[in-house]
C-alpha atoms as a PDB file:
ATOM      1  CA  THR A   1      -7.888 -14.732   6.064  1.00  0.00           C
ATOM      2  CA  VAL A   2      -5.318 -12.647   4.445  1.00  0.00           C
ATOM      3  CA  ASN A   3      -4.634 -12.482   0.495  1.00  0.00           C
ATOM      4  CA  SER A   4      -1.265 -11.646   0.313  1.00  0.00           C
ATOM      5  CA  PHE A   5      -1.127 -10.607  -3.336  1.00  0.00           C
ATOM      6  CA  PHE A   6      -3.190  -7.680  -2.078  1.00  0.00           C
ATOM      7  CA  ASN A   7      -0.594  -7.081   0.601  1.00  0.00           C
ATOM      8  CA  ASP A   8       2.053  -6.726  -2.013  1.00  0.00           C
ATOM      9  CA  ILE A   9      -0.367  -4.896  -4.273  1.00  0.00           C
ATOM     10  CA  GLN A  10      -0.943  -2.194  -1.638  1.00  0.00           C
ATOM     11  CA  TYR A  11       2.792  -1.614  -1.005  1.00  0.00           C
ATOM     12  CA  GLN A  12       3.759  -1.821  -4.803  1.00  0.00           C
ATOM     13  CA  GLY A  13       1.442   0.670  -5.052  1.00  0.00           C
ATOM     14  CA  MET A  14       3.244   2.927  -2.391  1.00  0.00           C
ATOM     15  CA  VAL A  15       6.608   2.074  -4.256  1.00  0.00           C
ATOM     16  CA  LEU A  16       5.394   3.402  -7.471  1.00  0.00           C
ATOM     17  CA  TRP A  17       4.237   6.664  -5.826  1.00  0.00           C
ATOM     18  CA  VAL A  18       7.773   7.252  -4.318  1.00  0.00           C
ATOM     19  CA  GLN A  19       9.494   6.416  -7.121  1.00  0.00           C
ATOM     20  CA  GLN A  20       7.139   9.401  -9.114  1.00  0.00           C
ATOM     21  CA  TYR A  21       7.182  12.293  -6.510  1.00  0.00           C
ATOM     22  CA  LYS A  22      10.655  11.516  -5.056  1.00  0.00           C
ATOM     23  CA  GLN A  23      13.130  11.849  -7.737  1.00  0.00           C
ATOM     24  CA  GLY A  24      13.085   8.097  -8.659  1.00  0.00           C
ATOM     25  CA  ALA A  25      14.126   7.382  -5.145  1.00  0.00           C
ATOM     26  CA  LEU A  26      13.666   3.178  -4.254  1.00  0.00           C
ATOM     27  CA  SER A  27      11.714   2.426  -1.111  1.00  0.00           C
ATOM     28  CA  LEU A  28      10.970  -0.903   0.741  1.00  0.00           C
ATOM     29  CA  PRO A  29       8.476  -1.818   3.568  1.00  0.00           C
ATOM     30  CA  LEU A  30       8.646  -0.502   6.997  1.00  0.00           C
ATOM     31  CA  GLU A  31       5.804  -1.063   9.207  1.00  0.00           C
ATOM     32  CA  THR A  32       1.831  -1.414   9.344  1.00  0.00           C
ATOM     33  CA  ASN A  33      -0.197   0.096  11.790  1.00  0.00           C
ATOM     34  CA  ALA A  34      -2.988  -2.564  11.775  1.00  0.00           C
ATOM     35  CA  VAL A  35      -5.352  -4.320   8.964  1.00  0.00           C
ATOM     36  CA  LYS A  36      -8.770  -4.872   9.265  1.00  0.00           C
ATOM     37  CA  ILE A  37     -10.215  -7.559   6.707  1.00  0.00           C
ATOM     38  CA  ASN A  38     -14.008  -7.251   6.348  1.00  0.00           C
ATOM     39  CA  LYS A  39     -14.774 -10.108   4.296  1.00  0.00           C
ATOM     40  CA  ARG A  40     -12.192 -13.034   2.516  1.00  0.00           C
ATOM     41  CA  ILE A  41     -10.811 -11.439  -0.683  1.00  0.00           C
ATOM     42  CA  PRO A  42     -11.256 -13.646  -3.853  1.00  0.00           C
ATOM     43  CA  PHE A  43      -8.830 -14.205  -6.797  1.00  0.00           C
ATOM     44  CA  ASP A  44     -11.655 -14.272  -9.369  1.00  0.00           C
ATOM     45  CA  GLU A  45     -13.043 -11.074  -8.930  1.00  0.00           C
ATOM     46  CA  GLU A  46     -12.019  -7.548  -9.944  1.00  0.00           C
ATOM     47  CA  LEU A  47     -11.016  -5.364  -6.794  1.00  0.00           C
ATOM     48  CA  PHE A  48      -9.220  -2.063  -6.585  1.00  0.00           C
ATOM     49  CA  VAL A  49      -6.795  -0.356  -4.286  1.00  0.00           C
ATOM     50  CA  HIS A  50      -7.084   3.114  -3.245  1.00  0.00           C
ATOM     51  CA  ILE A  51      -3.880   4.565  -1.489  1.00  0.00           C
ATOM     52  CA  ALA A  52      -4.216   7.955   0.624  1.00  0.00           C
ATOM     53  CA  ILE A  53      -0.927   9.203   1.698  1.00  0.00           C
ATOM     54  CA  LYS A  54      -0.972  10.495   5.179  1.00  0.00           C
ATOM     55  CA  GLU A  55       2.579  11.400   5.537  1.00  0.00           C
ATOM     56  CA  HIS A  56       5.823  11.640   3.548  1.00  0.00           C
ATOM     57  CA  ASN A  57       9.059  13.168   3.719  1.00  0.00           C
ATOM     58  CA  ASP A  58      12.715  12.513   1.973  1.00  0.00           C
ATOM     59  CA  PHE A  59      12.834   8.942   4.436  1.00  0.00           C
ATOM     60  CA  LYS A  60       9.538   7.808   4.882  1.00  0.00           C
ATOM     61  CA  MET A  61       6.010   7.536   3.536  1.00  0.00           C
ATOM     62  CA  GLN A  62       2.881   6.376   5.366  1.00  0.00           C
ATOM     63  CA  ALA A  63      -0.318   5.639   3.596  1.00  0.00           C
ATOM     64  CA  ASP A  64      -3.680   4.165   4.415  1.00  0.00           C
ATOM     65  CA  CYS A  65      -4.924   1.557   1.513  1.00  0.00           C
ATOM     66  CA  THR A  66      -8.237   0.368   1.008  1.00  0.00           C
ATOM     67  CA  VAL A  67      -8.774  -2.706  -1.304  1.00  0.00           C
ATOM     68  CA  PHE A  68     -12.786  -2.645  -2.608  1.00  0.00           C
ATOM     69  CA  ASP A  69     -14.958  -3.912  -5.291  1.00  0.00           C
ATOM     70  CA  ALA A  70     -16.890  -1.862  -8.164  1.00  0.00           C
ATOM     71  CA  ARG A  71     -19.771  -1.684  -5.525  1.00  0.00           C
ATOM     72  CA  GLY A  72     -17.424   0.235  -3.229  1.00  0.00           C
ATOM     73  CA  GLU A  73     -17.651  -2.782  -0.977  1.00  0.00           C
ATOM     74  CA  VAL A  74     -14.372  -2.763   1.323  1.00  0.00           C
ATOM     75  CA  TYR A  75     -12.495  -6.033   1.680  1.00  0.00           C
ATOM     76  CA  MET A  76      -9.542  -4.603   3.556  1.00  0.00           C
ATOM     77  CA  PHE A  77      -8.171  -1.585   5.331  1.00  0.00           C
ATOM     78  CA  THR A  78      -4.603  -1.138   6.007  1.00  0.00           C
ATOM     79  CA  GLU A  79      -4.076   1.447   8.506  1.00  0.00           C
ATOM     80  CA  GLY A  80      -0.219   3.049   8.794  1.00  0.00           C
ATOM     81  CA  ALA A  81       1.374   1.249   5.842  1.00  0.00           C
ATOM     82  CA  ALA A  82       4.970   2.838   5.771  1.00  0.00           C
ATOM     83  CA  LEU A  83       7.897   2.845   3.244  1.00  0.00           C
ATOM     84  CA  THR A  84      11.387   3.930   4.010  1.00  0.00           C
ATOM     85  CA  ILE A  85      12.559   6.015   1.407  1.00  0.00           C
ATOM     86  CA  SER A  86      16.299   6.421  -0.040  1.00  0.00           C
ATOM     87  CA  PRO A  87      17.767   7.549  -2.930  1.00  0.00           C
ATOM     88  CA  ASP A  88      20.857   5.328  -2.260  1.00  0.00           C
ATOM     89  CA  LEU A  89      18.812   2.171  -2.225  1.00  0.00           C
ATOM     90  CA  VAL A  90      19.961  -0.336  -4.706  1.00  0.00           C
ATOM     91  CA  TRP A  91      17.896  -3.611  -5.537  1.00  0.00           C
END
């Protein structure tokens, strides 16, 4: 099962990275290559998201994202999460 809250957290972390390192540019989700869910993500437990940037340029950022707990147990791995980047994008 998918916990859409953590799907959003992964992409929001990527959006913040783009704003920080691409001179305030805005971005929107573009694609996801694959998602592997190892176990159901609970709402009542503290979990973490690690974002490993694989590629970035002025127009696109792509990363792999891992949702895990304090013991290091992986709940979800998202491969090839990508954002489109634009300094002219307005929300």
